[in-house]
Amino acid sequence: MGSNSSKALLRIFVSSTDHVKHELLSVIHSYKFWEVSDKVPVVIEIVDEEEKIRKFYEIIRPQLESMRYGCLVTIEKIEVLLSKSGKSRK
């Protein structure tokens, strides 16, 4: 992430039972059988340059608008304090 570009946070609030093109939007695995099929809220967060975030949103907007039970999408400008890559395991 470059230090000169404006950063933004895109949040998409959906349900674990929402579908996009007949596929579940999010699959949640649990060791408890009854939790697998429960409807639970899901928040997807993406941090990147604001211009990239807005372009990405325009690409996915038609799918979000067609969701049967609705969703909420927010964007906010943020200040990244630390962005550190971890060491890969070999």
PDB file of N, CA and C in Angstrom:
ATOM      1  N   MET A   1       0.846  -1.183   0.000  1.00  0.00           N
ATOM      2  CA  MET A   1       0.000   0.000   0.000  1.00  0.00           C
ATOM      3  C   MET A   1       0.883   1.236   0.000  1.00  0.00           C
ATOM      4  N   GLY A   2       0.686   2.060  -0.987  1.00  0.00           N
ATOM      5  CA  GLY A   2       1.464   3.279  -1.059  1.00  0.00           C
ATOM      6  C   GLY A   2       0.997   4.297  -0.048  1.00  0.00           C
ATOM      7  N   SER A   3       1.914   5.114   0.458  1.00  0.00           N
ATOM      8  CA  SER A   3       1.549   6.059   1.509  1.00  0.00           C
ATOM      9  C   SER A   3       0.873   7.310   0.965  1.00  0.00           C
ATOM     10  N   ASN A   4       0.978   7.581  -0.344  1.00  0.00           N
ATOM     11  CA  ASN A   4       0.412   8.792  -0.926  1.00  0.00           C
ATOM     12  C   ASN A   4      -1.047   8.646  -1.333  1.00  0.00           C
ATOM     13  N   SER A   5      -1.549   7.427  -1.544  1.00  0.00           N
ATOM     14  CA  SER A   5      -2.910   7.243  -2.013  1.00  0.00           C
ATOM     15  C   SER A   5      -3.883   7.173  -0.843  1.00  0.00           C
ATOM     16  N   SER A   6      -5.096   7.681  -1.091  1.00  0.00           N
ATOM     17  CA  SER A   6      -6.141   7.671  -0.083  1.00  0.00           C
ATOM     18  C   SER A   6      -6.683   6.256   0.096  1.00  0.00           C
ATOM     19  N   LYS A   7      -6.767   5.802   1.331  1.00  0.00           N
ATOM     20  CA  LYS A   7      -7.258   4.454   1.636  1.00  0.00           C
ATOM     21  C   LYS A   7      -8.727   4.506   2.050  1.00  0.00           C
ATOM     22  N   ALA A   8      -9.427   3.422   1.740  1.00  0.00           N
ATOM     23  CA  ALA A   8     -10.836   3.332   2.096  1.00  0.00           C
ATOM     24  C   ALA A   8     -11.151   1.930   2.587  1.00  0.00           C
ATOM     25  N   LEU A   9     -12.219   1.835   3.372  1.00  0.00           N
ATOM     26  CA  LEU A   9     -12.721   0.573   3.894  1.00  0.00           C
ATOM     27  C   LEU A   9     -14.116   0.362   3.330  1.00  0.00           C
ATOM     28  N   LEU A  10     -14.305  -0.745   2.625  1.00  0.00           N
ATOM     29  CA  LEU A  10     -15.613  -1.126   2.102  1.00  0.00           C
ATOM     30  C   LEU A  10     -16.159  -2.216   3.009  1.00  0.00           C
ATOM     31  N   ARG A  11     -17.375  -2.023   3.506  1.00  0.00           N
ATOM     32  CA  ARG A  11     -18.027  -3.027   4.345  1.00  0.00           C
ATOM     33  C   ARG A  11     -19.306  -3.466   3.664  1.00  0.00           C
ATOM     34  N   ILE A  12     -19.488  -4.773   3.598  1.00  0.00           N
ATOM     35  CA  ILE A  12     -20.700  -5.342   3.023  1.00  0.00           C
ATOM     36  C   ILE A  12     -21.342  -6.210   4.093  1.00  0.00           C
ATOM     37  N   PHE A  13     -22.538  -5.832   4.506  1.00  0.00           N
ATOM     38  CA  PHE A  13     -23.285  -6.558   5.538  1.00  0.00           C
ATOM     39  C   PHE A  13     -24.323  -7.435   4.852  1.00  0.00           C
ATOM     40  N   VAL A  14     -24.199  -8.754   5.017  1.00  0.00           N
ATOM     41  CA  VAL A  14     -25.119  -9.711   4.410  1.00  0.00           C
ATOM     42  C   VAL A  14     -25.440 -10.804   5.436  1.00  0.00           C
ATOM     43  N   SER A  15     -26.190 -11.782   4.995  1.00  0.00           N
ATOM     44  CA  SER A  15     -26.513 -12.925   5.837  1.00  0.00           C
ATOM     45  C   SER A  15     -25.815 -14.162   5.289  1.00  0.00           C
ATOM     46  N   SER A  16     -25.511 -15.094   6.147  1.00  0.00           N
ATOM     47  CA  SER A  16     -24.852 -16.330   5.727  1.00  0.00           C
ATOM     48  C   SER A  16     -25.728 -17.163   4.800  1.00  0.00           C
ATOM     49  N   THR A  17     -27.030 -16.858   4.744  1.00  0.00           N
ATOM     50  CA  THR A  17     -27.929 -17.619   3.877  1.00  0.00           C
ATOM     51  C   THR A  17     -28.217 -16.917   2.553  1.00  0.00           C
ATOM     52  N   ASP A  18     -27.607 -15.753   2.315  1.00  0.00           N
ATOM     53  CA  ASP A  18     -27.818 -15.035   1.056  1.00  0.00           C
ATOM     54  C   ASP A  18     -27.164 -15.773  -0.107  1.00  0.00           C
ATOM     55  N   HIS A  19     -27.777 -15.644  -1.279  1.00  0.00           N
ATOM     56  CA  HIS A  19     -27.288 -16.307  -2.489  1.00  0.00           C
ATOM     57  C   HIS A  19     -26.935 -15.290  -3.562  1.00  0.00           C
ATOM     58  N   VAL A  20     -25.909 -15.596  -4.344  1.00  0.00           N
ATOM     59  CA  VAL A  20     -25.576 -14.845  -5.547  1.00  0.00           C
ATOM     60  C   VAL A  20     -25.476 -15.861  -6.668  1.00  0.00           C
ATOM     61  N   LYS A  21     -26.301 -15.690  -7.693  1.00  0.00           N
ATOM     62  CA  LYS A  21     -26.357 -16.634  -8.822  1.00  0.00           C
ATOM     63  C   LYS A  21     -26.554 -18.068  -8.338  1.00  0.00           C
ATOM     64  N   HIS A  22     -27.507 -18.270  -7.446  1.00  0.00           N
ATOM     65  CA  HIS A  22     -27.901 -19.576  -6.914  1.00  0.00           C
ATOM     66  C   HIS A  22     -26.812 -20.262  -6.080  1.00  0.00           C
ATOM     67  N   GLU A  23     -25.794 -19.539  -5.689  1.00  0.00           N
ATOM     68  CA  GLU A  23     -24.736 -20.091  -4.836  1.00  0.00           C
ATOM     69  C   GLU A  23     -24.755 -19.340  -3.509  1.00  0.00           C
ATOM     70  N   LEU A  24     -24.506 -20.061  -2.412  1.00  0.00           N
ATOM     71  CA  LEU A  24     -24.422 -19.400  -1.113  1.00  0.00           C
ATOM     72  C   LEU A  24     -23.300 -18.381  -1.128  1.00  0.00           C
ATOM     73  N   LEU A  25     -23.568 -17.190  -0.600  1.00  0.00           N
ATOM     74  CA  LEU A  25     -22.563 -16.137  -0.554  1.00  0.00           C
ATOM     75  C   LEU A  25     -21.441 -16.485   0.404  1.00  0.00           C
ATOM     76  N   SER A  26     -21.786 -17.105   1.540  1.00  0.00           N
ATOM     77  CA  SER A  26     -20.756 -17.477   2.518  1.00  0.00           C
ATOM     78  C   SER A  26     -21.097 -18.816   3.134  1.00  0.00           C
ATOM     79  N   VAL A  27     -20.124 -19.687   3.198  1.00  0.00           N
ATOM     80  CA  VAL A  27     -20.300 -20.999   3.813  1.00  0.00           C
ATOM     81  C   VAL A  27     -19.583 -20.975   5.152  1.00  0.00           C
ATOM     82  N   ILE A  28     -20.330 -21.259   6.215  1.00  0.00           N
ATOM     83  CA  ILE A  28     -19.761 -21.249   7.553  1.00  0.00           C
ATOM     84  C   ILE A  28     -19.712 -22.681   8.060  1.00  0.00           C
ATOM     85  N   HIS A  29     -18.525 -23.118   8.439  1.00  0.00           N
ATOM     86  CA  HIS A  29     -18.344 -24.469   8.954  1.00  0.00           C
ATOM     87  C   HIS A  29     -18.306 -24.425  10.481  1.00  0.00           C
ATOM     88  N   SER A  30     -18.927 -25.397  11.084  1.00  0.00           N
ATOM     89  CA  SER A  30     -18.969 -25.464  12.537  1.00  0.00           C
ATOM     90  C   SER A  30     -18.958 -26.918  12.975  1.00  0.00           C
ATOM     91  N   TYR A  31     -18.444 -27.154  14.166  1.00  0.00           N
ATOM     92  CA  TYR A  31     -18.468 -28.503  14.713  1.00  0.00           C
ATOM     93  C   TYR A  31     -19.847 -28.836  15.284  1.00  0.00           C
ATOM     94  N   LYS A  32     -20.701 -27.836  15.429  1.00  0.00           N
ATOM     95  CA  LYS A  32     -22.054 -28.062  15.926  1.00  0.00           C
ATOM     96  C   LYS A  32     -23.012 -28.087  14.737  1.00  0.00           C
ATOM     97  N   PHE A  33     -23.694 -29.172  14.544  1.00  0.00           N
ATOM     98  CA  PHE A  33     -24.542 -29.362  13.374  1.00  0.00           C
ATOM     99  C   PHE A  33     -25.573 -28.246  13.199  1.00  0.00           C
ATOM    100  N   TRP A  34     -26.252 -27.844  14.277  1.00  0.00           N
ATOM    101  CA  TRP A  34     -27.337 -26.888  14.153  1.00  0.00           C
ATOM    102  C   TRP A  34     -26.844 -25.487  13.777  1.00  0.00           C
ATOM    103  N   GLU A  35     -25.593 -25.175  13.996  1.00  0.00           N
ATOM    104  CA  GLU A  35     -25.092 -23.851  13.631  1.00  0.00           C
ATOM    105  C   GLU A  35     -24.819 -23.718  12.143  1.00  0.00           C
ATOM    106  N   VAL A  36     -24.613 -24.831  11.452  1.00  0.00           N
ATOM    107  CA  VAL A  36     -24.258 -24.779  10.039  1.00  0.00           C
ATOM    108  C   VAL A  36     -25.377 -24.160   9.221  1.00  0.00           C
ATOM    109  N   SER A  37     -26.622 -24.472   9.538  1.00  0.00           N
ATOM    110  CA  SER A  37     -27.735 -23.974   8.745  1.00  0.00           C
ATOM    111  C   SER A  37     -28.372 -22.711   9.319  1.00  0.00           C
ATOM    112  N   ASP A  38     -27.918 -22.251  10.460  1.00  0.00           N
ATOM    113  CA  ASP A  38     -28.482 -21.036  11.047  1.00  0.00           C
ATOM    114  C   ASP A  38     -28.139 -19.811  10.215  1.00  0.00           C
ATOM    115  N   LYS A  39     -29.049 -18.865  10.214  1.00  0.00           N
ATOM    116  CA  LYS A  39     -28.817 -17.593   9.541  1.00  0.00           C
ATOM    117  C   LYS A  39     -28.038 -16.694  10.494  1.00  0.00           C
ATOM    118  N   VAL A  40     -26.829 -16.315  10.101  1.00  0.00           N
ATOM    119  CA  VAL A  40     -26.005 -15.448  10.932  1.00  0.00           C
ATOM    120  C   VAL A  40     -25.523 -14.269  10.088  1.00  0.00           C
ATOM    121  N   PRO A  41     -25.336 -13.120  10.724  1.00  0.00           N
ATOM    122  CA  PRO A  41     -24.840 -11.965   9.971  1.00  0.00           C
ATOM    123  C   PRO A  41     -23.379 -12.159   9.574  1.00  0.00           C
ATOM    124  N   VAL A  42     -23.035 -11.659   8.400  1.00  0.00           N
ATOM    125  CA  VAL A  42     -21.674 -11.735   7.885  1.00  0.00           C
ATOM    126  C   VAL A  42     -21.266 -10.337   7.447  1.00  0.00           C
ATOM    127  N   VAL A  43     -20.064  -9.927   7.839  1.00  0.00           N
ATOM    128  CA  VAL A  43     -19.526  -8.639   7.407  1.00  0.00           C
ATOM    129  C   VAL A  43     -18.264  -8.906   6.614  1.00  0.00           C
ATOM    130  N   ILE A  44     -18.239  -8.426   5.385  1.00  0.00           N
ATOM    131  CA  ILE A  44     -17.068  -8.552   4.519  1.00  0.00           C
ATOM    132  C   ILE A  44     -16.392  -7.192   4.514  1.00  0.00           C
ATOM    133  N   GLU A  45     -15.109  -7.149   4.856  1.00  0.00           N
ATOM    134  CA  GLU A  45     -14.381  -5.884   4.893  1.00  0.00           C
ATOM    135  C   GLU A  45     -13.209  -5.934   3.925  1.00  0.00           C
ATOM    136  N   ILE A  46     -13.053  -4.873   3.140  1.00  0.00           N
ATOM    137  CA  ILE A  46     -11.965  -4.782   2.173  1.00  0.00           C
ATOM    138  C   ILE A  46     -11.301  -3.420   2.343  1.00  0.00           C
ATOM    139  N   VAL A  47      -9.971  -3.418   2.483  1.00  0.00           N
ATOM    140  CA  VAL A  47      -9.197  -2.187   2.596  1.00  0.00           C
ATOM    141  C   VAL A  47      -8.300  -2.080   1.372  1.00  0.00           C
ATOM    142  N   ASP A  48      -8.352  -0.943   0.704  1.00  0.00           N
ATOM    143  CA  ASP A  48      -7.496  -0.704  -0.466  1.00  0.00           C
ATOM    144  C   ASP A  48      -7.555   0.778  -0.802  1.00  0.00           C
ATOM    145  N   GLU A  49      -6.951   1.139  -1.915  1.00  0.00           N
ATOM    146  CA  GLU A  49      -7.022   2.520  -2.370  1.00  0.00           C
ATOM    147  C   GLU A  49      -8.475   2.845  -2.687  1.00  0.00           C
ATOM    148  N   GLU A  50      -8.900   4.061  -2.343  1.00  0.00           N
ATOM    149  CA  GLU A  50     -10.305   4.422  -2.503  1.00  0.00           C
ATOM    150  C   GLU A  50     -10.792   4.241  -3.938  1.00  0.00           C
ATOM    151  N   GLU A  51      -9.996   4.607  -4.911  1.00  0.00           N
ATOM    152  CA  GLU A  51     -10.395   4.472  -6.312  1.00  0.00           C
ATOM    153  C   GLU A  51     -10.646   3.004  -6.678  1.00  0.00           C
ATOM    154  N   LYS A  52      -9.780   2.095  -6.203  1.00  0.00           N
ATOM    155  CA  LYS A  52      -9.946   0.667  -6.475  1.00  0.00           C
ATOM    156  C   LYS A  52     -11.194   0.126  -5.792  1.00  0.00           C
ATOM    157  N   ILE A  53     -11.455   0.571  -4.571  1.00  0.00           N
ATOM    158  CA  ILE A  53     -12.636   0.138  -3.819  1.00  0.00           C
ATOM    159  C   ILE A  53     -13.907   0.542  -4.569  1.00  0.00           C
ATOM    160  N   ARG A  54     -13.954   1.773  -5.040  1.00  0.00           N
ATOM    161  CA  ARG A  54     -15.146   2.256  -5.745  1.00  0.00           C
ATOM    162  C   ARG A  54     -15.354   1.514  -7.067  1.00  0.00           C
ATOM    163  N   LYS A  55     -14.278   1.224  -7.791  1.00  0.00           N
ATOM    164  CA  LYS A  55     -14.387   0.459  -9.039  1.00  0.00           C
ATOM    165  C   LYS A  55     -14.884  -0.954  -8.756  1.00  0.00           C
ATOM    166  N   PHE A  56     -14.351  -1.580  -7.706  1.00  0.00           N
ATOM    167  CA  PHE A  56     -14.786  -2.918  -7.327  1.00  0.00           C
ATOM    168  C   PHE A  56     -16.269  -2.923  -6.967  1.00  0.00           C
ATOM    169  N   TYR A  57     -16.705  -1.918  -6.207  1.00  0.00           N
ATOM    170  CA  TYR A  57     -18.113  -1.844  -5.824  1.00  0.00           C
ATOM    171  C   TYR A  57     -19.010  -1.747  -7.056  1.00  0.00           C
ATOM    172  N   GLU A  58     -18.618  -0.960  -8.035  1.00  0.00           N
ATOM    173  CA  GLU A  58     -19.428  -0.822  -9.246  1.00  0.00           C
ATOM    174  C   GLU A  58     -19.553  -2.153  -9.982  1.00  0.00           C
ATOM    175  N   ILE A  59     -18.518  -2.988  -9.901  1.00  0.00           N
ATOM    176  CA  ILE A  59     -18.565  -4.304 -10.541  1.00  0.00           C
ATOM    177  C   ILE A  59     -19.547  -5.232  -9.818  1.00  0.00           C
ATOM    178  N   ILE A  60     -19.529  -5.207  -8.480  1.00  0.00           N
ATOM    179  CA  ILE A  60     -20.377  -6.138  -7.722  1.00  0.00           C
ATOM    180  C   ILE A  60     -21.763  -5.577  -7.405  1.00  0.00           C
ATOM    181  N   ARG A  61     -21.981  -4.301  -7.653  1.00  0.00           N
ATOM    182  CA  ARG A  61     -23.264  -3.661  -7.304  1.00  0.00           C
ATOM    183  C   ARG A  61     -24.483  -4.377  -7.881  1.00  0.00           C
ATOM    184  N   PRO A  62     -24.477  -4.790  -9.154  1.00  0.00           N
ATOM    185  CA  PRO A  62     -25.677  -5.483  -9.667  1.00  0.00           C
ATOM    186  C   PRO A  62     -26.022  -6.751  -8.882  1.00  0.00           C
ATOM    187  N   GLN A  63     -25.026  -7.516  -8.470  1.00  0.00           N
ATOM    188  CA  GLN A  63     -25.303  -8.729  -7.693  1.00  0.00           C
ATOM    189  C   GLN A  63     -25.861  -8.369  -6.319  1.00  0.00           C
ATOM    190  N   LEU A  64     -25.313  -7.325  -5.703  1.00  0.00           N
ATOM    191  CA  LEU A  64     -25.802  -6.920  -4.387  1.00  0.00           C
ATOM    192  C   LEU A  64     -27.220  -6.383  -4.478  1.00  0.00           C
ATOM    193  N   GLU A  65     -27.503  -5.612  -5.523  1.00  0.00           N
ATOM    194  CA  GLU A  65     -28.846  -5.052  -5.687  1.00  0.00           C
ATOM    195  C   GLU A  65     -29.889  -6.128  -5.962  1.00  0.00           C
ATOM    196  N   SER A  66     -29.468  -7.254  -6.512  1.00  0.00           N
ATOM    197  CA  SER A  66     -30.420  -8.320  -6.829  1.00  0.00           C
ATOM    198  C   SER A  66     -30.619  -9.300  -5.674  1.00  0.00           C
ATOM    199  N   MET A  67     -29.935  -9.100  -4.557  1.00  0.00           N
ATOM    200  CA  MET A  67     -30.089 -10.008  -3.423  1.00  0.00           C
ATOM    201  C   MET A  67     -31.513  -9.914  -2.877  1.00  0.00           C
ATOM    202  N   ARG A  68     -32.123 -11.058  -2.704  1.00  0.00           N
ATOM    203  CA  ARG A  68     -33.536 -11.133  -2.334  1.00  0.00           C
ATOM    204  C   ARG A  68     -33.853 -10.458  -1.008  1.00  0.00           C
ATOM    205  N   TYR A  69     -33.003 -10.661  -0.007  1.00  0.00           N
ATOM    206  CA  TYR A  69     -33.309 -10.156   1.331  1.00  0.00           C
ATOM    207  C   TYR A  69     -32.541  -8.894   1.684  1.00  0.00           C
ATOM    208  N   GLY A  70     -31.851  -8.311   0.714  1.00  0.00           N
ATOM    209  CA  GLY A  70     -31.187  -7.044   0.945  1.00  0.00           C
ATOM    210  C   GLY A  70     -29.818  -7.166   1.577  1.00  0.00           C
ATOM    211  N   CYS A  71     -29.149  -6.041   1.638  1.00  0.00           N
ATOM    212  CA  CYS A  71     -27.829  -5.963   2.246  1.00  0.00           C
ATOM    213  C   CYS A  71     -27.547  -4.499   2.543  1.00  0.00           C
ATOM    214  N   LEU A  72     -26.435  -4.239   3.173  1.00  0.00           N
ATOM    215  CA  LEU A  72     -26.006  -2.872   3.470  1.00  0.00           C
ATOM    216  C   LEU A  72     -24.549  -2.766   3.074  1.00  0.00           C
ATOM    217  N   VAL A  73     -24.202  -1.704   2.351  1.00  0.00           N
ATOM    218  CA  VAL A  73     -22.824  -1.486   1.924  1.00  0.00           C
ATOM    219  C   VAL A  73     -22.410  -0.090   2.369  1.00  0.00           C
ATOM    220  N   THR A  74     -21.246  -0.002   3.024  1.00  0.00           N
ATOM    221  CA  THR A  74     -20.726   1.298   3.455  1.00  0.00           C
ATOM    222  C   THR A  74     -19.287   1.453   2.973  1.00  0.00           C
ATOM    223  N   ILE A  75     -18.869   2.703   2.879  1.00  0.00           N
ATOM    224  CA  ILE A  75     -17.482   3.001   2.550  1.00  0.00           C
ATOM    225  C   ILE A  75     -17.051   4.170   3.434  1.00  0.00           C
ATOM    226  N   GLU A  76     -15.834   4.098   3.906  1.00  0.00           N
ATOM    227  CA  GLU A  76     -15.316   5.207   4.699  1.00  0.00           C
ATOM    228  C   GLU A  76     -13.826   5.367   4.444  1.00  0.00           C
ATOM    229  N   LYS A  77     -13.377   6.597   4.498  1.00  0.00           N
ATOM    230  CA  LYS A  77     -11.950   6.867   4.362  1.00  0.00           C
ATOM    231  C   LYS A  77     -11.269   6.469   5.663  1.00  0.00           C
ATOM    232  N   ILE A  78     -10.100   5.869   5.534  1.00  0.00           N
ATOM    233  CA  ILE A  78      -9.386   5.414   6.729  1.00  0.00           C
ATOM    234  C   ILE A  78      -7.922   5.827   6.657  1.00  0.00           C
ATOM    235  N   GLU A  79      -7.269   5.751   7.785  1.00  0.00           N
ATOM    236  CA  GLU A  79      -5.827   5.952   7.880  1.00  0.00           C
ATOM    237  C   GLU A  79      -5.218   4.628   8.314  1.00  0.00           C
ATOM    238  N   VAL A  80      -4.369   4.068   7.468  1.00  0.00           N
ATOM    239  CA  VAL A  80      -3.710   2.802   7.797  1.00  0.00           C
ATOM    240  C   VAL A  80      -2.505   3.123   8.670  1.00  0.00           C
ATOM    241  N   LEU A  81      -2.482   2.584   9.873  1.00  0.00           N
ATOM    242  CA  LEU A  81      -1.385   2.825  10.790  1.00  0.00           C
ATOM    243  C   LEU A  81      -0.240   1.845  10.591  1.00  0.00           C
ATOM    244  N   LEU A  82      -0.569   0.606  10.218  1.00  0.00           N
ATOM    245  CA  LEU A  82       0.464  -0.406  10.028  1.00  0.00           C
ATOM    246  C   LEU A  82      -0.019  -1.410   8.999  1.00  0.00           C
ATOM    247  N   SER A  83       0.836  -1.747   8.065  1.00  0.00           N
ATOM    248  CA  SER A  83       0.563  -2.789   7.091  1.00  0.00           C
ATOM    249  C   SER A  83       1.837  -3.610   6.958  1.00  0.00           C
ATOM    250  N   LYS A  84       1.889  -4.738   7.636  1.00  0.00           N
ATOM    251  CA  LYS A  84       3.098  -5.547   7.705  1.00  0.00           C
ATOM    252  C   LYS A  84       2.810  -6.948   7.201  1.00  0.00           C
ATOM    253  N   SER A  85       3.604  -7.415   6.255  1.00  0.00           N
ATOM    254  CA  SER A  85       3.459  -8.776   5.761  1.00  0.00           C
ATOM    255  C   SER A  85       4.146  -9.749   6.714  1.00  0.00           C
ATOM    256  N   GLY A  86       3.552 -10.907   6.862  1.00  0.00           N
ATOM    257  CA  GLY A  86       4.147 -11.941   7.708  1.00  0.00           C
ATOM    258  C   GLY A  86       5.132 -12.786   6.909  1.00  0.00           C
ATOM    259  N   LYS A  87       5.908 -13.570   7.611  1.00  0.00           N
ATOM    260  CA  LYS A  87       6.834 -14.486   6.957  1.00  0.00           C
ATOM    261  C   LYS A  87       6.089 -15.735   6.527  1.00  0.00           C
ATOM    262  N   SER A  88       6.415 -16.248   5.355  1.00  0.00           N
ATOM    263  CA  SER A  88       5.732 -17.439   4.859  1.00  0.00           C
ATOM    264  C   SER A  88       6.324 -18.687   5.526  1.00  0.00           C
ATOM    265  N   ARG A  89       5.451 -19.687   5.694  1.00  0.00           N
ATOM    266  CA  ARG A  89       5.880 -20.965   6.266  1.00  0.00           C
ATOM    267  C   ARG A  89       6.388 -21.848   5.131  1.00  0.00           C
ATOM    268  N   LYS A  90       7.451 -22.567   5.410  1.00  0.00           N
ATOM    269  CA  LYS A  90       7.995 -23.446   4.373  1.00  0.00           C
ATOM    270  C   LYS A  90       7.899 -24.880   4.771  1.00  0.00           C
TER     271      LYS A  90
END
